[in-house]
Amino acid sequence: MYETFAPEQAWALAKRLEIHYTPKHGSWLNMAEIELSAMTIQCLNRRIASIEELQVEVSSWETERNQRQKTVDWQFTTEQARGKLKHLYPVI
């Protein structure tokens, strides 16, 4: 910011920004979606009567899931991605 704007303006703009780290690739989002889907299927697939019961159920599911250290088995290779997404790559 300071390379582009005057110090006062750069500081005023910087104070308005809230920067969040976002990984370079989308795999983190895929993993989050997989975990939410698993939680929905394994834990939230029924009526839960109260917020307290919901908190207990989700906490219990989370503890068990973390203890098992479940990982994602990626089966979509880089070459497959390049083939499927070829139309998105620029021609050089």
N, C-alpha and C. Protein backbone atom coordinates (compact mmCIF):
# COMPACT_ATOMS: atom_id res chain seq x y z
N MET A 1 0.83 -1.19 0.00
CA MET A 1 0.00 0.00 0.00
C MET A 1 0.87 1.25 0.00
N TYR A 2 1.95 1.19 0.78
CA TYR A 2 2.81 2.37 0.90
C TYR A 2 3.61 2.62 -0.37
N GLU A 3 3.75 1.59 -1.22
CA GLU A 3 4.44 1.78 -2.50
C GLU A 3 3.55 2.47 -3.51
N THR A 4 2.25 2.41 -3.31
CA THR A 4 1.30 2.96 -4.28
C THR A 4 0.70 4.29 -3.84
N PHE A 5 0.43 4.43 -2.54
CA PHE A 5 -0.25 5.61 -2.03
C PHE A 5 0.65 6.43 -1.11
N ALA A 6 0.26 7.66 -0.91
CA ALA A 6 0.93 8.51 0.07
C ALA A 6 0.73 7.89 1.45
N PRO A 7 1.67 8.09 2.38
CA PRO A 7 1.58 7.44 3.69
C PRO A 7 0.25 7.63 4.40
N GLU A 8 -0.28 8.84 4.39
CA GLU A 8 -1.56 9.10 5.08
C GLU A 8 -2.70 8.29 4.44
N GLN A 9 -2.73 8.29 3.11
CA GLN A 9 -3.79 7.57 2.41
C GLN A 9 -3.61 6.05 2.58
N ALA A 10 -2.38 5.58 2.50
CA ALA A 10 -2.11 4.15 2.68
C ALA A 10 -2.55 3.70 4.07
N TRP A 11 -2.24 4.49 5.10
CA TRP A 11 -2.64 4.15 6.46
C TRP A 11 -4.15 4.14 6.60
N ALA A 12 -4.83 5.12 6.02
CA ALA A 12 -6.29 5.19 6.09
C ALA A 12 -6.92 3.97 5.41
N LEU A 13 -6.38 3.56 4.28
CA LEU A 13 -6.89 2.38 3.58
C LEU A 13 -6.58 1.10 4.35
N ALA A 14 -5.37 1.00 4.87
CA ALA A 14 -4.97 -0.20 5.61
C ALA A 14 -5.85 -0.41 6.85
N LYS A 15 -6.24 0.65 7.50
CA LYS A 15 -7.10 0.53 8.69
C LYS A 15 -8.46 -0.04 8.33
N ARG A 16 -8.88 0.15 7.08
CA ARG A 16 -10.20 -0.33 6.66
C ARG A 16 -10.17 -1.79 6.20
N LEU A 17 -8.99 -2.35 6.01
CA LEU A 17 -8.87 -3.71 5.50
C LEU A 17 -8.80 -4.72 6.63
N GLU A 18 -9.38 -5.86 6.38
CA GLU A 18 -9.24 -7.01 7.27
C GLU A 18 -8.79 -8.16 6.39
N ILE A 19 -7.53 -8.54 6.52
CA ILE A 19 -6.94 -9.53 5.62
C ILE A 19 -7.00 -10.91 6.26
N HIS A 20 -7.50 -11.87 5.49
CA HIS A 20 -7.59 -13.26 5.94
C HIS A 20 -6.76 -14.12 5.00
N TYR A 21 -5.97 -15.01 5.57
CA TYR A 21 -5.19 -15.93 4.75
C TYR A 21 -6.12 -16.92 4.08
N THR A 22 -5.95 -17.09 2.79
CA THR A 22 -6.70 -18.08 2.04
C THR A 22 -5.69 -18.93 1.29
N PRO A 23 -5.74 -20.24 1.45
CA PRO A 23 -4.79 -21.09 0.74
C PRO A 23 -4.86 -20.86 -0.77
N LYS A 24 -3.76 -21.15 -1.43
CA LYS A 24 -3.63 -20.89 -2.86
C LYS A 24 -4.54 -21.79 -3.69
N HIS A 25 -4.78 -22.99 -3.23
CA HIS A 25 -5.57 -23.95 -4.00
C HIS A 25 -6.89 -24.24 -3.29
N GLY A 26 -7.84 -24.76 -4.02
CA GLY A 26 -9.18 -24.98 -3.49
C GLY A 26 -9.37 -26.25 -2.70
N SER A 27 -8.34 -27.05 -2.51
CA SER A 27 -8.53 -28.33 -1.84
C SER A 27 -9.00 -28.16 -0.40
N TRP A 28 -8.65 -27.06 0.26
CA TRP A 28 -9.10 -26.83 1.64
C TRP A 28 -10.62 -26.70 1.68
N LEU A 29 -11.19 -26.07 0.64
CA LEU A 29 -12.64 -25.92 0.58
C LEU A 29 -13.30 -27.27 0.35
N ASN A 30 -12.71 -28.08 -0.51
CA ASN A 30 -13.24 -29.42 -0.75
C ASN A 30 -13.23 -30.24 0.53
N MET A 31 -12.15 -30.15 1.30
CA MET A 31 -12.07 -30.90 2.56
C MET A 31 -13.12 -30.42 3.56
N ALA A 32 -13.34 -29.11 3.61
CA ALA A 32 -14.37 -28.58 4.52
C ALA A 32 -15.74 -29.08 4.11
N GLU A 33 -16.02 -29.10 2.81
CA GLU A 33 -17.31 -29.59 2.33
C GLU A 33 -17.49 -31.08 2.62
N ILE A 34 -16.42 -31.85 2.49
CA ILE A 34 -16.47 -33.29 2.79
C ILE A 34 -16.77 -33.50 4.27
N GLU A 35 -16.11 -32.74 5.14
CA GLU A 35 -16.35 -32.87 6.58
C GLU A 35 -17.77 -32.48 6.95
N LEU A 36 -18.26 -31.39 6.37
CA LEU A 36 -19.64 -30.97 6.66
C LEU A 36 -20.65 -32.02 6.19
N SER A 37 -20.38 -32.60 5.03
CA SER A 37 -21.27 -33.65 4.52
C SER A 37 -21.24 -34.87 5.44
N ALA A 38 -20.05 -35.27 5.87
CA ALA A 38 -19.94 -36.43 6.78
C ALA A 38 -20.67 -36.15 8.08
N MET A 39 -20.51 -34.95 8.62
CA MET A 39 -21.19 -34.61 9.87
C MET A 39 -22.70 -34.64 9.69
N THR A 40 -23.17 -34.14 8.57
CA THR A 40 -24.62 -34.13 8.31
C THR A 40 -25.16 -35.56 8.23
N ILE A 41 -24.45 -36.42 7.53
CA ILE A 41 -24.90 -37.81 7.36
C ILE A 41 -24.78 -38.61 8.65
N GLN A 42 -23.64 -38.46 9.35
CA GLN A 42 -23.36 -39.30 10.51
C GLN A 42 -23.94 -38.77 11.81
N CYS A 43 -24.20 -37.47 11.87
CA CYS A 43 -24.55 -36.88 13.17
C CYS A 43 -25.88 -36.12 13.14
N LEU A 44 -26.15 -35.46 12.05
CA LEU A 44 -27.30 -34.54 12.01
C LEU A 44 -28.45 -35.05 11.15
N ASN A 45 -28.53 -36.34 10.94
CA ASN A 45 -29.53 -36.92 10.05
C ASN A 45 -30.85 -37.24 10.76
N ARG A 46 -31.10 -36.57 11.86
CA ARG A 46 -32.33 -36.80 12.63
C ARG A 46 -32.71 -35.52 13.35
N ARG A 47 -33.90 -35.51 13.92
CA ARG A 47 -34.34 -34.34 14.68
C ARG A 47 -33.61 -34.31 16.02
N ILE A 48 -33.06 -33.17 16.35
CA ILE A 48 -32.39 -32.98 17.63
C ILE A 48 -33.19 -31.94 18.40
N ALA A 49 -33.61 -32.31 19.60
CA ALA A 49 -34.62 -31.56 20.32
C ALA A 49 -34.17 -30.21 20.87
N SER A 50 -32.89 -30.06 21.18
CA SER A 50 -32.46 -28.81 21.82
C SER A 50 -31.05 -28.43 21.37
N ILE A 51 -30.72 -27.17 21.61
CA ILE A 51 -29.38 -26.67 21.30
C ILE A 51 -28.34 -27.42 22.14
N GLU A 52 -28.66 -27.69 23.38
CA GLU A 52 -27.73 -28.39 24.26
C GLU A 52 -27.43 -29.79 23.73
N GLU A 53 -28.48 -30.50 23.30
CA GLU A 53 -28.29 -31.84 22.74
C GLU A 53 -27.48 -31.76 21.44
N LEU A 54 -27.73 -30.75 20.64
CA LEU A 54 -26.98 -30.54 19.40
C LEU A 54 -25.49 -30.34 19.70
N GLN A 55 -25.20 -29.51 20.69
CA GLN A 55 -23.81 -29.25 21.07
C GLN A 55 -23.11 -30.53 21.53
N VAL A 56 -23.80 -31.34 22.33
CA VAL A 56 -23.23 -32.59 22.81
C VAL A 56 -22.98 -33.55 21.65
N GLU A 57 -23.96 -33.67 20.75
CA GLU A 57 -23.83 -34.58 19.62
C GLU A 57 -22.69 -34.18 18.69
N VAL A 58 -22.62 -32.90 18.34
CA VAL A 58 -21.58 -32.42 17.43
C VAL A 58 -20.21 -32.54 18.09
N SER A 59 -20.11 -32.20 19.36
CA SER A 59 -18.84 -32.32 20.07
C SER A 59 -18.37 -33.76 20.12
N SER A 60 -19.28 -34.68 20.39
CA SER A 60 -18.95 -36.10 20.43
C SER A 60 -18.50 -36.58 19.05
N TRP A 61 -19.23 -36.20 18.02
CA TRP A 61 -18.86 -36.58 16.65
C TRP A 61 -17.48 -36.03 16.29
N GLU A 62 -17.24 -34.77 16.63
CA GLU A 62 -15.97 -34.11 16.32
C GLU A 62 -14.80 -34.81 17.02
N THR A 63 -14.98 -35.15 18.29
CA THR A 63 -13.93 -35.84 19.05
C THR A 63 -13.59 -37.18 18.41
N GLU A 64 -14.62 -37.94 18.08
CA GLU A 64 -14.40 -39.26 17.46
C GLU A 64 -13.74 -39.10 16.09
N ARG A 65 -14.20 -38.15 15.31
CA ARG A 65 -13.64 -37.91 13.97
C ARG A 65 -12.17 -37.53 14.06
N ASN A 66 -11.83 -36.65 15.00
CA ASN A 66 -10.44 -36.22 15.17
C ASN A 66 -9.55 -37.36 15.66
N GLN A 67 -10.07 -38.21 16.55
CA GLN A 67 -9.29 -39.34 17.05
C GLN A 67 -8.97 -40.33 15.94
N ARG A 68 -9.88 -40.50 15.01
CA ARG A 68 -9.64 -41.41 13.88
C ARG A 68 -8.69 -40.82 12.85
N GLN A 69 -8.46 -39.52 12.92
CA GLN A 69 -7.58 -38.81 12.00
C GLN A 69 -7.90 -39.15 10.54
N LYS A 70 -9.15 -39.01 10.23
CA LYS A 70 -9.63 -39.29 8.87
C LYS A 70 -8.98 -38.34 7.88
N THR A 71 -8.52 -38.88 6.77
CA THR A 71 -7.90 -38.07 5.73
C THR A 71 -8.70 -38.17 4.45
N VAL A 72 -8.37 -37.32 3.51
CA VAL A 72 -9.04 -37.32 2.22
C VAL A 72 -8.19 -38.12 1.24
N ASP A 73 -8.82 -39.02 0.53
CA ASP A 73 -8.13 -39.83 -0.48
C ASP A 73 -8.40 -39.21 -1.84
N TRP A 74 -7.50 -38.31 -2.26
CA TRP A 74 -7.69 -37.64 -3.54
C TRP A 74 -7.45 -38.63 -4.67
N GLN A 75 -8.41 -38.74 -5.59
CA GLN A 75 -8.28 -39.67 -6.70
C GLN A 75 -8.25 -38.94 -8.04
N PHE A 76 -8.37 -37.65 -8.01
CA PHE A 76 -8.36 -36.84 -9.22
C PHE A 76 -6.94 -36.31 -9.39
N THR A 77 -6.22 -36.84 -10.36
CA THR A 77 -4.82 -36.48 -10.53
C THR A 77 -4.67 -35.12 -11.22
N THR A 78 -3.45 -34.60 -11.17
CA THR A 78 -3.16 -33.33 -11.83
C THR A 78 -3.38 -33.46 -13.34
N GLU A 79 -2.96 -34.58 -13.90
CA GLU A 79 -3.14 -34.78 -15.35
C GLU A 79 -4.62 -34.84 -15.71
N GLN A 80 -5.44 -35.49 -14.88
CA GLN A 80 -6.88 -35.53 -15.14
C GLN A 80 -7.47 -34.13 -15.05
N ALA A 81 -7.01 -33.35 -14.08
CA ALA A 81 -7.51 -31.99 -13.93
C ALA A 81 -7.15 -31.15 -15.14
N ARG A 82 -5.92 -31.27 -15.60
CA ARG A 82 -5.49 -30.51 -16.78
C ARG A 82 -6.32 -30.88 -18.01
N GLY A 83 -6.62 -32.16 -18.15
CA GLY A 83 -7.45 -32.59 -19.28
C GLY A 83 -8.87 -32.06 -19.19
N LYS A 84 -9.44 -32.18 -18.01
CA LYS A 84 -10.82 -31.76 -17.83
C LYS A 84 -10.98 -30.24 -17.89
N LEU A 85 -9.98 -29.53 -17.38
CA LEU A 85 -10.06 -28.07 -17.30
C LEU A 85 -9.26 -27.37 -18.40
N LYS A 86 -8.94 -28.13 -19.44
CA LYS A 86 -8.10 -27.62 -20.54
C LYS A 86 -8.65 -26.30 -21.11
N HIS A 87 -9.96 -26.20 -21.20
CA HIS A 87 -10.57 -25.01 -21.79
C HIS A 87 -10.34 -23.76 -20.96
N LEU A 88 -9.93 -23.90 -19.70
CA LEU A 88 -9.67 -22.75 -18.85
C LEU A 88 -8.25 -22.23 -18.94
N TYR A 89 -7.35 -23.04 -19.49
CA TYR A 89 -5.95 -22.65 -19.59
C TYR A 89 -5.72 -21.79 -20.83
N PRO A 90 -4.93 -20.74 -20.72
CA PRO A 90 -4.65 -19.91 -21.90
C PRO A 90 -3.72 -20.65 -22.87
N VAL A 91 -3.89 -20.37 -24.12
CA VAL A 91 -3.00 -20.94 -25.15
C VAL A 91 -1.83 -19.99 -25.31
N ILE A 92 -0.62 -20.53 -25.13
CA ILE A 92 0.58 -19.68 -25.23
C ILE A 92 1.34 -20.04 -26.49
